N, C-alpha and C. Protein backbone atom coordinates (compact mmCIF):
# COMPACT_ATOMS: atom_id res chain seq x y z
N MET A 1 0.83 -1.18 0.00
CA MET A 1 0.00 0.00 0.00
C MET A 1 0.87 1.25 0.00
N ILE A 2 1.82 1.35 0.91
CA ILE A 2 2.74 2.49 0.94
C ILE A 2 4.14 1.92 0.82
N ARG A 3 4.90 2.47 -0.08
CA ARG A 3 6.28 2.02 -0.23
C ARG A 3 7.18 3.23 -0.01
N LEU A 4 8.10 3.10 0.92
CA LEU A 4 9.05 4.16 1.19
C LEU A 4 10.25 3.94 0.28
N LEU A 5 10.55 4.93 -0.55
CA LEU A 5 11.60 4.79 -1.54
C LEU A 5 12.83 5.58 -1.16
N GLY A 6 13.94 5.20 -1.68
CA GLY A 6 15.16 5.94 -1.46
C GLY A 6 16.35 5.21 -2.01
N THR A 7 17.53 5.66 -1.60
CA THR A 7 18.74 5.05 -2.13
C THR A 7 19.42 4.16 -1.11
N LYS A 8 19.37 4.50 0.15
CA LYS A 8 20.08 3.75 1.17
C LYS A 8 19.07 2.85 1.90
N ALA A 9 19.14 1.56 1.71
CA ALA A 9 18.14 0.64 2.25
C ALA A 9 18.43 0.32 3.71
N LEU A 10 17.38 0.34 4.52
CA LEU A 10 17.48 -0.10 5.90
C LEU A 10 17.00 -1.54 6.06
N ASP A 11 16.19 -2.02 5.12
CA ASP A 11 15.70 -3.39 5.07
C ASP A 11 14.92 -3.80 6.32
N LEU A 12 14.26 -2.86 7.00
CA LEU A 12 13.46 -3.22 8.16
C LEU A 12 12.22 -3.99 7.75
N GLY A 13 11.47 -3.47 6.80
CA GLY A 13 10.26 -4.14 6.35
C GLY A 13 10.57 -5.38 5.54
N CYS A 14 11.67 -5.36 4.79
CA CYS A 14 12.00 -6.49 3.93
C CYS A 14 12.50 -7.67 4.75
N GLN A 15 13.23 -7.42 5.84
CA GLN A 15 13.70 -8.51 6.67
C GLN A 15 12.55 -9.19 7.40
N LEU A 16 11.54 -8.43 7.77
CA LEU A 16 10.39 -8.98 8.47
C LEU A 16 9.39 -9.60 7.52
N ARG A 17 9.65 -9.56 6.22
CA ARG A 17 8.76 -10.08 5.19
C ARG A 17 7.39 -9.43 5.26
N SER A 18 7.39 -8.13 5.44
CA SER A 18 6.14 -7.38 5.49
C SER A 18 5.52 -7.33 4.10
N PRO A 19 4.22 -7.66 3.98
CA PRO A 19 3.60 -7.67 2.66
C PRO A 19 3.24 -6.29 2.16
N CYS A 20 3.41 -5.28 3.00
CA CYS A 20 2.85 -3.97 2.67
C CYS A 20 3.90 -2.97 2.18
N TYR A 21 5.02 -2.88 2.83
CA TYR A 21 5.98 -1.84 2.46
C TYR A 21 7.39 -2.26 2.87
N CYS A 22 8.34 -1.64 2.24
CA CYS A 22 9.75 -1.78 2.61
C CYS A 22 10.26 -0.40 2.95
N VAL A 23 11.18 -0.32 3.87
CA VAL A 23 11.68 0.96 4.33
C VAL A 23 13.07 1.20 3.75
N SER A 24 13.25 2.35 3.19
CA SER A 24 14.57 2.77 2.75
C SER A 24 14.63 4.29 2.85
N ARG A 25 15.81 4.83 2.85
CA ARG A 25 15.98 6.28 3.05
C ARG A 25 16.70 6.91 1.87
N ARG A 26 16.31 8.15 1.60
CA ARG A 26 17.04 8.95 0.61
C ARG A 26 18.21 9.65 1.28
N THR A 27 17.91 10.43 2.28
CA THR A 27 18.91 11.10 3.09
C THR A 27 18.55 10.83 4.54
N PRO A 28 19.39 11.15 5.49
CA PRO A 28 19.07 10.81 6.88
C PRO A 28 17.76 11.39 7.40
N GLY A 29 17.31 12.51 6.92
CA GLY A 29 16.08 13.08 7.46
C GLY A 29 14.90 13.11 6.51
N GLU A 30 15.04 12.58 5.32
CA GLU A 30 14.02 12.74 4.30
C GLU A 30 13.48 11.37 3.86
N LEU A 31 12.16 11.18 3.97
CA LEU A 31 11.51 9.96 3.50
C LEU A 31 10.53 10.31 2.39
N MET A 32 10.39 9.44 1.41
CA MET A 32 9.47 9.69 0.32
C MET A 32 8.44 8.56 0.28
N LEU A 33 7.15 8.89 0.21
CA LEU A 33 6.09 7.90 0.19
C LEU A 33 5.58 7.68 -1.22
N LYS A 34 5.31 6.43 -1.55
CA LYS A 34 4.68 6.11 -2.81
C LYS A 34 3.44 5.28 -2.49
N ILE A 35 2.28 5.77 -2.87
CA ILE A 35 1.03 5.09 -2.59
C ILE A 35 0.78 4.09 -3.71
N GLU A 36 0.70 2.81 -3.37
CA GLU A 36 0.52 1.77 -4.38
C GLU A 36 -0.94 1.63 -4.81
N ASP A 37 -1.89 1.75 -3.88
CA ASP A 37 -3.30 1.55 -4.18
C ASP A 37 -4.10 2.67 -3.53
N ARG A 38 -4.58 3.59 -4.33
CA ARG A 38 -5.28 4.77 -3.79
C ARG A 38 -6.60 4.41 -3.09
N GLY A 39 -7.32 3.42 -3.60
CA GLY A 39 -8.58 3.03 -2.98
C GLY A 39 -8.38 2.51 -1.57
N MET A 40 -7.40 1.63 -1.39
CA MET A 40 -7.11 1.10 -0.06
C MET A 40 -6.60 2.20 0.86
N PHE A 41 -5.80 3.12 0.31
CA PHE A 41 -5.26 4.19 1.13
C PHE A 41 -6.36 5.16 1.58
N THR A 42 -7.30 5.50 0.70
CA THR A 42 -8.39 6.39 1.11
C THR A 42 -9.31 5.70 2.09
N ALA A 43 -9.55 4.40 1.92
CA ALA A 43 -10.34 3.67 2.91
C ALA A 43 -9.62 3.63 4.25
N PHE A 44 -8.30 3.46 4.23
CA PHE A 44 -7.50 3.49 5.45
C PHE A 44 -7.63 4.84 6.15
N ILE A 45 -7.55 5.93 5.39
CA ILE A 45 -7.68 7.27 5.96
C ILE A 45 -9.08 7.46 6.54
N PHE A 46 -10.12 7.02 5.82
CA PHE A 46 -11.50 7.17 6.29
C PHE A 46 -11.72 6.44 7.61
N TYR A 47 -11.31 5.18 7.67
CA TYR A 47 -11.53 4.41 8.90
C TYR A 47 -10.67 4.93 10.05
N THR A 48 -9.49 5.46 9.76
CA THR A 48 -8.67 6.05 10.82
C THR A 48 -9.32 7.32 11.37
N ILE A 49 -9.79 8.19 10.48
CA ILE A 49 -10.42 9.44 10.92
C ILE A 49 -11.69 9.16 11.70
N THR A 50 -12.53 8.22 11.23
CA THR A 50 -13.76 7.94 11.95
C THR A 50 -13.48 7.28 13.29
N GLY A 51 -12.47 6.41 13.35
CA GLY A 51 -12.12 5.79 14.63
C GLY A 51 -11.64 6.80 15.65
N VAL A 52 -10.78 7.70 15.22
CA VAL A 52 -10.28 8.75 16.13
C VAL A 52 -11.41 9.70 16.52
N ALA A 53 -12.29 10.03 15.57
CA ALA A 53 -13.41 10.93 15.88
C ALA A 53 -14.37 10.30 16.88
N PHE A 54 -14.67 9.01 16.71
CA PHE A 54 -15.56 8.34 17.67
C PHE A 54 -14.92 8.26 19.05
N LEU A 55 -13.63 7.98 19.12
CA LEU A 55 -12.98 7.93 20.43
C LEU A 55 -12.85 9.31 21.06
N ALA A 56 -12.72 10.35 20.23
CA ALA A 56 -12.69 11.72 20.76
C ALA A 56 -14.08 12.15 21.23
N LEU A 57 -15.12 11.65 20.56
CA LEU A 57 -16.49 11.97 20.95
C LEU A 57 -16.93 11.22 22.19
N LEU A 58 -16.24 10.18 22.55
CA LEU A 58 -16.64 9.33 23.67
C LEU A 58 -16.79 10.09 24.99
N PRO A 59 -15.81 10.87 25.44
CA PRO A 59 -16.00 11.58 26.70
C PRO A 59 -16.99 12.74 26.59
N LEU A 60 -17.18 13.28 25.40
CA LEU A 60 -18.10 14.40 25.24
C LEU A 60 -19.56 13.96 25.32
N SER A 61 -19.82 12.68 25.06
CA SER A 61 -21.20 12.19 25.07
C SER A 61 -21.47 11.25 26.24
N ARG A 62 -20.74 11.40 27.31
CA ARG A 62 -20.93 10.66 28.57
C ARG A 62 -20.68 9.17 28.44
N PHE A 63 -19.70 8.80 27.66
CA PHE A 63 -19.17 7.44 27.54
C PHE A 63 -20.20 6.37 27.17
N PRO A 64 -20.95 6.55 26.08
CA PRO A 64 -21.80 5.44 25.64
C PRO A 64 -20.94 4.34 25.01
N PRO A 65 -21.21 3.09 25.33
CA PRO A 65 -20.31 2.02 24.85
C PRO A 65 -20.34 1.82 23.34
N HIS A 66 -21.45 2.09 22.67
CA HIS A 66 -21.51 1.83 21.24
C HIS A 66 -20.58 2.76 20.45
N ILE A 67 -20.38 3.96 20.93
CA ILE A 67 -19.46 4.88 20.23
C ILE A 67 -18.02 4.40 20.40
N GLY A 68 -17.68 3.94 21.58
CA GLY A 68 -16.35 3.39 21.81
C GLY A 68 -16.08 2.14 20.99
N ILE A 69 -17.10 1.27 20.88
CA ILE A 69 -16.94 0.05 20.09
C ILE A 69 -16.77 0.39 18.61
N LEU A 70 -17.56 1.35 18.11
CA LEU A 70 -17.40 1.77 16.72
C LEU A 70 -16.01 2.37 16.47
N GLY A 71 -15.52 3.15 17.43
CA GLY A 71 -14.19 3.75 17.28
C GLY A 71 -13.08 2.71 17.25
N ILE A 72 -13.14 1.75 18.17
CA ILE A 72 -12.11 0.71 18.21
C ILE A 72 -12.20 -0.18 16.97
N TRP A 73 -13.42 -0.49 16.56
CA TRP A 73 -13.61 -1.33 15.38
C TRP A 73 -13.11 -0.63 14.11
N SER A 74 -13.35 0.67 14.02
CA SER A 74 -12.86 1.42 12.86
C SER A 74 -11.34 1.48 12.83
N LEU A 75 -10.72 1.69 13.97
CA LEU A 75 -9.26 1.72 14.01
C LEU A 75 -8.66 0.35 13.71
N THR A 76 -9.31 -0.71 14.16
CA THR A 76 -8.84 -2.05 13.86
C THR A 76 -8.95 -2.34 12.36
N THR A 77 -10.04 -1.88 11.76
CA THR A 77 -10.21 -2.05 10.32
C THR A 77 -9.15 -1.25 9.55
N ALA A 78 -8.86 -0.04 10.03
CA ALA A 78 -7.81 0.77 9.39
C ALA A 78 -6.46 0.08 9.48
N TYR A 79 -6.16 -0.51 10.63
CA TYR A 79 -4.91 -1.24 10.78
C TYR A 79 -4.85 -2.42 9.81
N GLY A 80 -5.95 -3.14 9.69
CA GLY A 80 -6.00 -4.28 8.77
C GLY A 80 -5.83 -3.85 7.32
N LEU A 81 -6.41 -2.70 6.95
CA LEU A 81 -6.22 -2.20 5.59
C LEU A 81 -4.79 -1.77 5.36
N PHE A 82 -4.17 -1.15 6.37
CA PHE A 82 -2.79 -0.68 6.22
C PHE A 82 -1.83 -1.85 6.07
N LYS A 83 -2.04 -2.90 6.85
CA LYS A 83 -1.17 -4.07 6.79
C LYS A 83 -1.62 -5.10 5.76
N LYS A 84 -2.75 -4.83 5.09
CA LYS A 84 -3.32 -5.73 4.08
C LYS A 84 -3.54 -7.13 4.64
N ARG A 85 -4.26 -7.19 5.74
CA ARG A 85 -4.57 -8.47 6.37
C ARG A 85 -5.83 -9.07 5.75
N LYS A 86 -5.89 -10.39 5.71
CA LYS A 86 -7.01 -11.08 5.12
C LYS A 86 -8.28 -10.93 5.96
N TRP A 87 -8.15 -10.83 7.27
CA TRP A 87 -9.30 -10.74 8.16
C TRP A 87 -9.99 -9.39 8.09
N THR A 88 -9.42 -8.43 7.38
CA THR A 88 -10.03 -7.10 7.26
C THR A 88 -11.39 -7.18 6.57
N LEU A 89 -11.52 -8.08 5.62
CA LEU A 89 -12.81 -8.25 4.95
C LEU A 89 -13.90 -8.65 5.93
N TYR A 90 -13.53 -9.45 6.92
CA TYR A 90 -14.50 -9.87 7.93
C TYR A 90 -14.79 -8.78 8.94
N PHE A 91 -13.99 -7.75 9.00
CA PHE A 91 -14.27 -6.60 9.86
C PHE A 91 -15.08 -5.54 9.13
N ILE A 92 -14.86 -5.40 7.83
CA ILE A 92 -15.56 -4.36 7.08
C ILE A 92 -17.05 -4.67 6.96
N THR A 93 -17.41 -5.91 6.77
CA THR A 93 -18.82 -6.27 6.56
C THR A 93 -19.69 -5.97 7.77
N PRO A 94 -19.37 -6.46 8.98
CA PRO A 94 -20.22 -6.09 10.13
C PRO A 94 -20.16 -4.60 10.45
N LEU A 95 -18.98 -3.99 10.26
CA LEU A 95 -18.85 -2.56 10.50
C LEU A 95 -19.76 -1.77 9.57
N PHE A 96 -19.92 -2.24 8.35
CA PHE A 96 -20.82 -1.61 7.40
C PHE A 96 -22.26 -1.59 7.94
N PHE A 97 -22.75 -2.73 8.43
CA PHE A 97 -24.12 -2.80 8.92
C PHE A 97 -24.30 -2.02 10.23
N VAL A 98 -23.34 -2.11 11.12
CA VAL A 98 -23.43 -1.39 12.40
C VAL A 98 -23.36 0.12 12.18
N ALA A 99 -22.45 0.57 11.31
CA ALA A 99 -22.32 2.00 11.03
C ALA A 99 -23.55 2.54 10.30
N THR A 100 -24.13 1.72 9.42
CA THR A 100 -25.35 2.15 8.72
C THR A 100 -26.50 2.31 9.72
N THR A 101 -26.67 1.34 10.60
CA THR A 101 -27.72 1.43 11.61
C THR A 101 -27.51 2.62 12.53
N PHE A 102 -26.27 2.82 12.97
CA PHE A 102 -25.96 3.94 13.86
C PHE A 102 -26.23 5.28 13.19
N SER A 103 -25.80 5.44 11.94
CA SER A 103 -25.98 6.73 11.29
C SER A 103 -27.44 6.98 10.92
N LEU A 104 -28.18 5.94 10.51
CA LEU A 104 -29.60 6.14 10.22
C LEU A 104 -30.38 6.50 11.48
N TYR A 105 -30.06 5.86 12.59
CA TYR A 105 -30.72 6.17 13.86
C TYR A 105 -30.38 7.60 14.30
N THR A 106 -29.13 8.00 14.10
CA THR A 106 -28.72 9.36 14.46
C THR A 106 -29.42 10.39 13.58
N ILE A 107 -29.51 10.13 12.29
CA ILE A 107 -30.19 11.06 11.38
C ILE A 107 -31.67 11.16 11.74
N TYR A 108 -32.30 10.03 12.05
CA TYR A 108 -33.70 10.05 12.46
C TYR A 108 -33.88 10.87 13.74
N GLY A 109 -32.97 10.70 14.69
CA GLY A 109 -33.04 11.48 15.92
C GLY A 109 -32.88 12.97 15.68
N PHE A 110 -32.03 13.32 14.73
CA PHE A 110 -31.87 14.73 14.39
C PHE A 110 -33.11 15.29 13.70
N LEU A 111 -33.74 14.51 12.85
CA LEU A 111 -34.89 15.00 12.10
C LEU A 111 -36.12 15.20 12.96
N VAL A 112 -36.32 14.39 13.97
CA VAL A 112 -37.51 14.54 14.82
C VAL A 112 -37.25 15.45 16.01
N SER A 113 -36.03 15.95 16.13
CA SER A 113 -35.70 16.84 17.24
C SER A 113 -36.33 18.21 17.04
N PRO A 114 -36.83 18.82 18.12
CA PRO A 114 -37.37 20.18 17.98
C PRO A 114 -36.29 21.23 17.74
N PHE A 115 -35.04 20.87 17.95
CA PHE A 115 -33.93 21.80 17.76
C PHE A 115 -33.20 21.53 16.45
N PHE A 116 -33.95 21.15 15.42
CA PHE A 116 -33.33 20.76 14.15
C PHE A 116 -32.52 21.89 13.54
N GLU A 117 -32.95 23.12 13.69
CA GLU A 117 -32.21 24.25 13.12
C GLU A 117 -30.83 24.39 13.75
N LYS A 118 -30.72 24.07 15.04
CA LYS A 118 -29.44 24.24 15.72
C LYS A 118 -28.48 23.09 15.46
N ILE A 119 -29.00 21.95 15.09
CA ILE A 119 -28.13 20.79 14.88
C ILE A 119 -28.08 20.38 13.41
N ARG A 120 -28.29 21.30 12.53
CA ARG A 120 -28.24 21.02 11.10
C ARG A 120 -26.85 20.54 10.67
N LEU A 121 -25.80 21.10 11.25
CA LEU A 121 -24.44 20.69 10.91
C LEU A 121 -24.20 19.23 11.29
N TRP A 122 -24.67 18.82 12.46
CA TRP A 122 -24.47 17.44 12.90
C TRP A 122 -25.25 16.46 12.03
N SER A 123 -26.43 16.89 11.57
CA SER A 123 -27.17 16.00 10.67
C SER A 123 -26.46 15.88 9.32
N ALA A 124 -25.84 16.95 8.86
CA ALA A 124 -25.06 16.89 7.63
C ALA A 124 -23.84 15.97 7.80
N VAL A 125 -23.20 16.02 8.97
CA VAL A 125 -22.07 15.14 9.24
C VAL A 125 -22.53 13.68 9.27
N ALA A 126 -23.70 13.43 9.87
CA ALA A 126 -24.22 12.06 9.93
C ALA A 126 -24.58 11.56 8.54
N ILE A 127 -25.13 12.41 7.70
CA ILE A 127 -25.45 12.02 6.32
C ILE A 127 -24.17 11.74 5.53
N ALA A 128 -23.15 12.57 5.71
CA ALA A 128 -21.88 12.34 5.03
C ALA A 128 -21.23 11.03 5.50
N TYR A 129 -21.33 10.75 6.80
CA TYR A 129 -20.79 9.50 7.34
C TYR A 129 -21.55 8.31 6.76
N LEU A 130 -22.86 8.43 6.59
CA LEU A 130 -23.65 7.35 6.00
C LEU A 130 -23.25 7.11 4.55
N VAL A 131 -23.09 8.17 3.79
CA VAL A 131 -22.71 8.03 2.38
C VAL A 131 -21.32 7.42 2.26
N LEU A 132 -20.38 7.88 3.07
CA LEU A 132 -19.02 7.34 3.00
C LEU A 132 -18.97 5.91 3.53
N THR A 133 -19.81 5.59 4.50
CA THR A 133 -19.87 4.23 5.00
C THR A 133 -20.34 3.27 3.90
N TRP A 134 -21.24 3.74 3.06
CA TRP A 134 -21.71 2.91 1.96
C TRP A 134 -20.72 2.88 0.81
N ASP A 135 -19.86 3.88 0.69
CA ASP A 135 -18.93 3.96 -0.43
C ASP A 135 -17.64 3.20 -0.17
N PHE A 136 -17.06 3.30 1.01
CA PHE A 136 -15.73 2.76 1.24
C PHE A 136 -15.65 1.24 1.29
N PRO A 137 -16.63 0.50 1.78
CA PRO A 137 -16.50 -0.96 1.64
C PRO A 137 -16.48 -1.41 0.18
N ASN A 138 -17.26 -0.76 -0.67
CA ASN A 138 -17.24 -1.09 -2.09
C ASN A 138 -15.90 -0.72 -2.71
N LEU A 139 -15.37 0.44 -2.33
CA LEU A 139 -14.10 0.90 -2.87
C LEU A 139 -12.96 0.00 -2.43
N SER A 140 -12.90 -0.32 -1.14
CA SER A 140 -11.81 -1.16 -0.66
C SER A 140 -11.94 -2.59 -1.20
N HIS A 141 -13.18 -3.05 -1.40
CA HIS A 141 -13.36 -4.40 -1.96
C HIS A 141 -12.96 -4.43 -3.43
N ALA A 142 -13.37 -3.41 -4.18
CA ALA A 142 -13.07 -3.39 -5.61
C ALA A 142 -11.58 -3.17 -5.86
N CYS A 143 -10.95 -2.35 -5.06
CA CYS A 143 -9.55 -2.01 -5.32
C CYS A 143 -8.57 -3.01 -4.75
N GLY A 144 -8.86 -3.55 -3.57
CA GLY A 144 -7.79 -4.28 -2.94
C GLY A 144 -8.06 -5.67 -2.45
N SER A 145 -9.30 -6.06 -2.21
CA SER A 145 -9.51 -7.34 -1.56
C SER A 145 -9.12 -8.50 -2.46
N SER A 146 -9.39 -8.42 -3.74
CA SER A 146 -8.99 -9.51 -4.62
C SER A 146 -7.47 -9.56 -4.73
N LYS A 147 -6.83 -8.39 -4.79
CA LYS A 147 -5.36 -8.36 -4.81
C LYS A 147 -4.81 -8.88 -3.50
N LEU A 148 -5.49 -8.54 -2.40
CA LEU A 148 -5.04 -8.95 -1.07
C LEU A 148 -5.11 -10.47 -0.93
N ILE A 149 -6.19 -11.08 -1.37
CA ILE A 149 -6.34 -12.51 -1.25
C ILE A 149 -5.34 -13.23 -2.16
N MET A 150 -5.16 -12.72 -3.38
CA MET A 150 -4.21 -13.35 -4.28
C MET A 150 -2.78 -13.20 -3.77
N ARG A 151 -2.47 -12.06 -3.18
CA ARG A 151 -1.12 -11.83 -2.68
C ARG A 151 -0.82 -12.75 -1.51
N ARG A 152 -1.80 -12.97 -0.62
CA ARG A 152 -1.62 -13.86 0.51
C ARG A 152 -1.46 -15.31 0.03
N ALA A 153 -2.17 -15.68 -1.03
CA ALA A 153 -2.08 -17.03 -1.55
C ALA A 153 -0.69 -17.29 -2.15
N GLN A 154 -0.07 -16.25 -2.71
CA GLN A 154 1.25 -16.42 -3.28
C GLN A 154 2.33 -16.55 -2.23
N LEU A 155 2.11 -15.97 -1.05
CA LEU A 155 3.12 -16.05 0.01
C LEU A 155 3.05 -17.41 0.60
């Protein structure tokens, strides 16, 4: 997914037989990133941002457990996408249904609220989260899961 390029090889990732990236340096302080698969990388960024946002929202909303579970699950999915693990597909599918239910319930709560004018921004965020939740499993599946399964089979 991400390959660090350069001239002087450190061989950290290559010695560990990492399927995702190898580490090398151009100069002592300068690293250059090359994104191999944009779909997997954008899905990784999406799940990382949503996981961090849910965990940041946790203390602000009096510690409801479902927000914490969604945050941890999103970060675990992001880790699996970054490392191109086979079990990531089994995390994306339930996360898709749980996130869809959560965002639809949140949007419904915003729409029936008497303070809809004041929380219009939050309803827009919930709608954007719903749309992206429906988009990124398809994107990560189309871009990387078949490559991921074939790559694991070759190792």
